[in-house]
Amino acid sequence: MTEKLTDIANLHKEYTRSGLRRSDLTTEPMDLFEKWLKQARTAEIPDATAMNVSTVDKNGQPYQRLVLLKYFDQNEMVFFTNLNSRKATHLQNNPRISLHFSWNSLERQILVLGQVKPLSFFKVMKYFHSRPRESQIGAWVSQQSSRIPTRNVLENKFLELKQKFKNGYIPLPSFWGGYRVKVEAMEFWQGRAYRLHDRFLYQRTIDSWQLDRLAP
């Protein structure tokens, strides 16, 4: 065990792709986010919109999971989920949330801090019916985060509902919805050589953003 830990400790990589200077920054953090996201997609990073969503339970225990970003504007980011899921239960008690984007091949990370509010029924319904039919059925099948005895339970339920909805409209489940994250802070991280990384933090003020460079 000691030898394996030593092997990991000796792993090392220099970050040399590029830097992040104040002159590269935008007035609005979402404009820089959009630019970096486009570059991540151009670089064909798999699931470039995947973000690590962190929530905290009633005992203060943090949890993380990957969720796909589905929409963003100058103030908010949006994702969808089962409203009975672990993350949704946490957010009912504590609406504060952390999102993290990691684009390793570009040596970049973005941290987002904010608070969530539920999306309206109409926005949820519009997005739900834009999804592939199989995904709509999948939303009905999975009682997310609940315990199940075997995978066959899911697969059999999927086949049952696929037959039920074979020729008709798939209604929106009452337990499926989405959240909009009101962004309060965003940190942009660009890897640099010798671990002297570039970090810039945007923090929302009353009518603008405070921008600071952080030590790596």
Protein backbone atom coordinates (compact mmCIF):
# COMPACT_ATOMS: atom_id res chain seq x y z
CA MET A 1 0.00 0.00 0.00
CA THR A 2 2.83 2.40 0.87
CA GLU A 3 4.51 1.72 -2.48
CA LYS A 4 1.31 2.50 -4.41
CA LEU A 5 0.81 5.75 -2.52
CA THR A 6 4.42 6.71 -3.28
CA ASP A 7 3.86 6.04 -6.98
CA ILE A 8 0.88 8.40 -7.02
CA ALA A 9 2.75 11.06 -5.06
CA ASN A 10 5.50 11.09 -7.67
CA LEU A 11 3.14 11.75 -10.59
CA HIS A 12 3.77 15.20 -12.01
CA LYS A 13 2.71 17.24 -15.01
CA GLU A 14 3.65 20.75 -16.04
CA TYR A 15 0.88 22.99 -17.35
CA THR A 16 2.27 24.89 -20.30
CA ARG A 17 -0.55 25.39 -22.83
CA SER A 18 -1.27 29.06 -22.14
CA GLY A 19 -1.85 31.70 -19.49
CA LEU A 20 -4.73 33.89 -18.37
CA ARG A 21 -4.05 37.61 -18.11
CA ARG A 22 -6.27 40.41 -16.92
CA SER A 23 -6.41 41.67 -20.50
CA ASP A 24 -8.02 38.34 -21.49
CA LEU A 25 -10.92 38.83 -19.09
CA THR A 26 -14.38 40.14 -19.88
CA THR A 27 -16.54 42.55 -17.91
CA GLU A 28 -19.21 39.87 -17.44
CA PRO A 29 -17.97 36.44 -16.30
CA MET A 30 -20.55 34.64 -18.42
CA ASP A 31 -18.99 36.10 -21.57
CA LEU A 32 -15.68 34.47 -20.64
CA PHE A 33 -17.51 31.26 -19.72
CA GLU A 34 -19.17 31.20 -23.13
CA LYS A 35 -15.82 31.73 -24.84
CA TRP A 36 -14.16 28.92 -22.89
CA LEU A 37 -17.11 26.59 -23.44
CA LYS A 38 -16.94 27.17 -27.20
CA GLN A 39 -13.22 26.42 -27.13
CA ALA A 40 -13.86 23.23 -25.15
CA ARG A 41 -16.41 22.10 -27.73
CA THR A 42 -14.09 23.01 -30.61
CA ALA A 43 -11.41 20.91 -28.91
CA GLU A 44 -13.97 18.05 -28.93
CA ILE A 45 -13.77 17.51 -25.21
CA PRO A 46 -16.31 14.77 -24.39
CA ASP A 47 -19.35 16.12 -22.55
CA ALA A 48 -17.99 19.65 -22.42
CA THR A 49 -21.18 20.78 -20.65
CA ALA A 50 -20.74 18.26 -17.83
CA MET A 51 -20.36 19.93 -14.45
CA ASN A 52 -19.68 18.57 -11.00
CA VAL A 53 -22.66 19.62 -8.88
CA SER A 54 -22.02 19.82 -5.13
CA THR A 55 -24.74 19.94 -2.49
CA VAL A 56 -24.76 19.46 1.28
CA ASP A 57 -27.16 17.31 3.31
CA LYS A 58 -28.80 18.28 6.60
CA ASN A 59 -25.83 16.88 8.55
CA GLY A 60 -23.31 18.98 6.63
CA GLN A 61 -22.06 16.07 4.50
CA PRO A 62 -21.11 17.24 0.98
CA TYR A 63 -22.07 15.19 -2.09
CA GLN A 64 -20.92 15.53 -5.70
CA ARG A 65 -22.15 14.21 -9.04
CA LEU A 66 -21.83 15.06 -12.74
CA VAL A 67 -24.83 16.81 -14.32
CA LEU A 68 -25.20 18.37 -17.77
CA LEU A 69 -25.63 22.13 -18.08
CA LYS A 70 -28.63 22.78 -20.33
CA TYR A 71 -28.89 26.57 -20.52
CA PHE A 72 -27.14 29.71 -19.34
CA ASP A 73 -27.46 33.48 -19.69
CA GLN A 74 -25.70 36.46 -18.10
CA ASN A 75 -27.03 35.63 -14.63
CA GLU A 76 -28.05 31.99 -14.40
CA MET A 77 -27.21 28.39 -15.22
CA VAL A 78 -29.89 25.72 -15.62
CA PHE A 79 -29.99 21.95 -15.11
CA PHE A 80 -32.74 19.33 -14.82
CA THR A 81 -33.21 16.43 -12.42
CA ASN A 82 -35.60 14.14 -10.57
CA LEU A 83 -37.14 16.22 -7.79
CA ASN A 84 -37.02 13.24 -5.41
CA SER A 85 -33.29 12.75 -5.98
CA ARG A 86 -30.66 13.17 -3.31
CA LYS A 87 -29.48 16.48 -4.76
CA ALA A 88 -33.02 17.88 -4.91
CA THR A 89 -33.65 16.87 -1.29
CA HIS A 90 -30.48 18.66 -0.26
CA LEU A 91 -31.44 21.78 -2.20
CA GLN A 92 -34.84 21.95 -0.52
CA ASN A 93 -33.07 22.38 2.82
CA ASN A 94 -30.06 24.36 1.59
CA PRO A 95 -30.35 26.17 -1.76
CA ARG A 96 -26.62 26.97 -1.91
CA ILE A 97 -24.77 25.08 -4.62
CA SER A 98 -21.35 24.74 -6.22
CA LEU A 99 -20.74 23.86 -9.88
CA HIS A 100 -17.36 22.86 -11.26
CA PHE A 101 -16.29 22.51 -14.90
CA SER A 102 -13.03 20.68 -15.58
CA TRP A 103 -11.50 20.73 -19.06
CA ASN A 104 -8.22 18.96 -18.38
CA SER A 105 -6.90 18.87 -21.93
CA LEU A 106 -7.14 22.67 -22.03
CA GLU A 107 -5.69 22.89 -18.50
CA ARG A 108 -8.73 24.85 -17.36
CA GLN A 109 -11.27 24.79 -14.57
CA ILE A 110 -14.23 27.00 -13.67
CA LEU A 111 -15.85 27.14 -10.22
CA VAL A 112 -19.36 28.57 -9.86
CA LEU A 113 -21.04 29.46 -6.56
CA GLY A 114 -24.67 30.42 -6.21
CA GLN A 115 -28.19 29.63 -5.03
CA VAL A 116 -30.92 27.69 -6.78
CA LYS A 117 -34.58 28.31 -7.47
CA PRO A 118 -36.95 25.82 -9.12
CA LEU A 119 -37.76 26.34 -12.78
CA SER A 120 -41.33 27.10 -13.78
CA PHE A 121 -43.61 24.26 -14.85
CA PHE A 122 -43.78 25.57 -18.41
CA LYS A 123 -40.00 25.73 -18.84
CA VAL A 124 -39.63 22.23 -17.45
CA MET A 125 -42.37 20.87 -19.70
CA LYS A 126 -40.89 22.56 -22.79
CA TYR A 127 -37.48 21.03 -22.17
CA PHE A 128 -38.88 17.61 -21.19
CA HIS A 129 -40.70 17.25 -24.52
CA SER A 130 -37.61 18.31 -26.46
CA ARG A 131 -35.78 15.22 -25.19
CA PRO A 132 -35.65 11.90 -27.09
CA ARG A 133 -38.65 9.68 -26.30
CA GLU A 134 -36.40 7.09 -24.66
CA SER A 135 -35.06 9.74 -22.29
CA GLN A 136 -38.59 10.84 -21.45
CA ILE A 137 -39.48 7.25 -20.61
CA GLY A 138 -36.27 6.90 -18.62
CA ALA A 139 -37.35 9.82 -16.43
CA TRP A 140 -40.52 7.88 -15.54
CA VAL A 141 -38.58 4.69 -14.83
CA SER A 142 -35.95 5.91 -12.40
CA GLN A 143 -36.85 6.94 -8.87
CA GLN A 144 -33.44 8.53 -8.62
CA SER A 145 -31.27 7.67 -5.59
CA SER A 146 -33.76 5.06 -4.31
CA ARG A 147 -32.49 1.54 -3.59
CA ILE A 148 -33.27 -1.19 -6.16
CA PRO A 149 -32.50 -4.93 -5.94
CA THR A 150 -31.22 -5.48 -9.51
CA ARG A 151 -30.79 -3.68 -12.83
CA ASN A 152 -33.54 -5.90 -14.25
CA VAL A 153 -36.06 -3.86 -12.27
CA LEU A 154 -35.13 -0.78 -14.30
CA GLU A 155 -34.97 -2.56 -17.63
CA ASN A 156 -38.30 -4.33 -17.18
CA LYS A 157 -40.01 -1.11 -16.11
CA PHE A 158 -38.55 0.68 -19.13
CA LEU A 159 -39.91 -1.96 -21.52
CA GLU A 160 -43.31 -1.83 -19.80
CA LEU A 161 -43.56 1.96 -20.16
CA LYS A 162 -42.17 1.93 -23.68
CA GLN A 163 -45.05 -0.34 -24.64
CA LYS A 164 -47.55 1.80 -22.71
CA PHE A 165 -46.47 5.01 -24.45
CA LYS A 166 -45.75 3.34 -27.79
CA ASN A 167 -48.07 5.45 -29.89
CA GLY A 168 -48.91 8.34 -27.63
CA TYR A 169 -47.93 11.41 -25.73
CA ILE A 170 -45.54 11.00 -22.78
CA PRO A 171 -46.70 13.23 -19.92
CA LEU A 172 -44.31 15.17 -17.73
CA PRO A 173 -43.73 13.29 -14.45
CA SER A 174 -44.77 15.30 -11.41
CA PHE A 175 -41.44 14.41 -9.79
CA TRP A 176 -39.23 15.73 -12.61
CA GLY A 177 -38.07 19.33 -12.85
CA GLY A 178 -35.18 21.72 -13.02
CA TYR A 179 -33.26 24.43 -11.23
CA ARG A 180 -31.82 27.77 -12.19
CA VAL A 181 -28.62 28.70 -10.39
CA LYS A 182 -28.32 32.39 -9.61
CA VAL A 183 -24.59 32.93 -10.02
CA GLU A 184 -22.92 34.81 -7.15
CA ALA A 185 -19.26 34.06 -7.91
CA MET A 186 -17.16 32.50 -10.66
CA GLU A 187 -13.49 31.54 -10.54
CA PHE A 188 -11.50 30.89 -13.73
CA TRP A 189 -8.38 28.73 -13.40
CA GLN A 190 -5.71 28.30 -16.05
CA GLY A 191 -2.80 25.95 -15.44
CA ARG A 192 0.71 27.38 -15.60
CA ALA A 193 4.22 26.02 -15.22
CA TYR A 194 5.76 25.40 -11.78
CA ARG A 195 2.29 25.39 -10.21
CA LEU A 196 2.07 29.18 -10.58
CA HIS A 197 -1.43 28.91 -11.97
CA ASP A 198 -3.58 31.86 -13.03
CA ARG A 199 -6.78 32.32 -11.00
CA PHE A 200 -9.30 35.12 -11.33
CA LEU A 201 -12.38 35.46 -9.14
CA TYR A 202 -15.54 37.36 -10.11
CA GLN A 203 -17.83 38.19 -7.17
CA ARG A 204 -21.22 39.77 -7.66
CA THR A 205 -21.80 43.17 -6.07
CA ILE A 206 -25.02 45.20 -6.08
CA ASP A 207 -24.72 46.32 -9.69
CA SER A 208 -21.47 44.87 -11.08
CA TRP A 209 -18.70 42.33 -10.50
CA GLN A 210 -15.64 42.63 -8.30
CA LEU A 211 -12.64 41.04 -9.99
CA ASP A 212 -9.54 39.80 -8.16
CA ARG A 213 -6.50 37.72 -9.04
CA LEU A 214 -5.94 34.89 -6.53
CA ALA A 215 -2.69 33.25 -5.54
CA PRO A 216 -2.42 29.71 -6.96
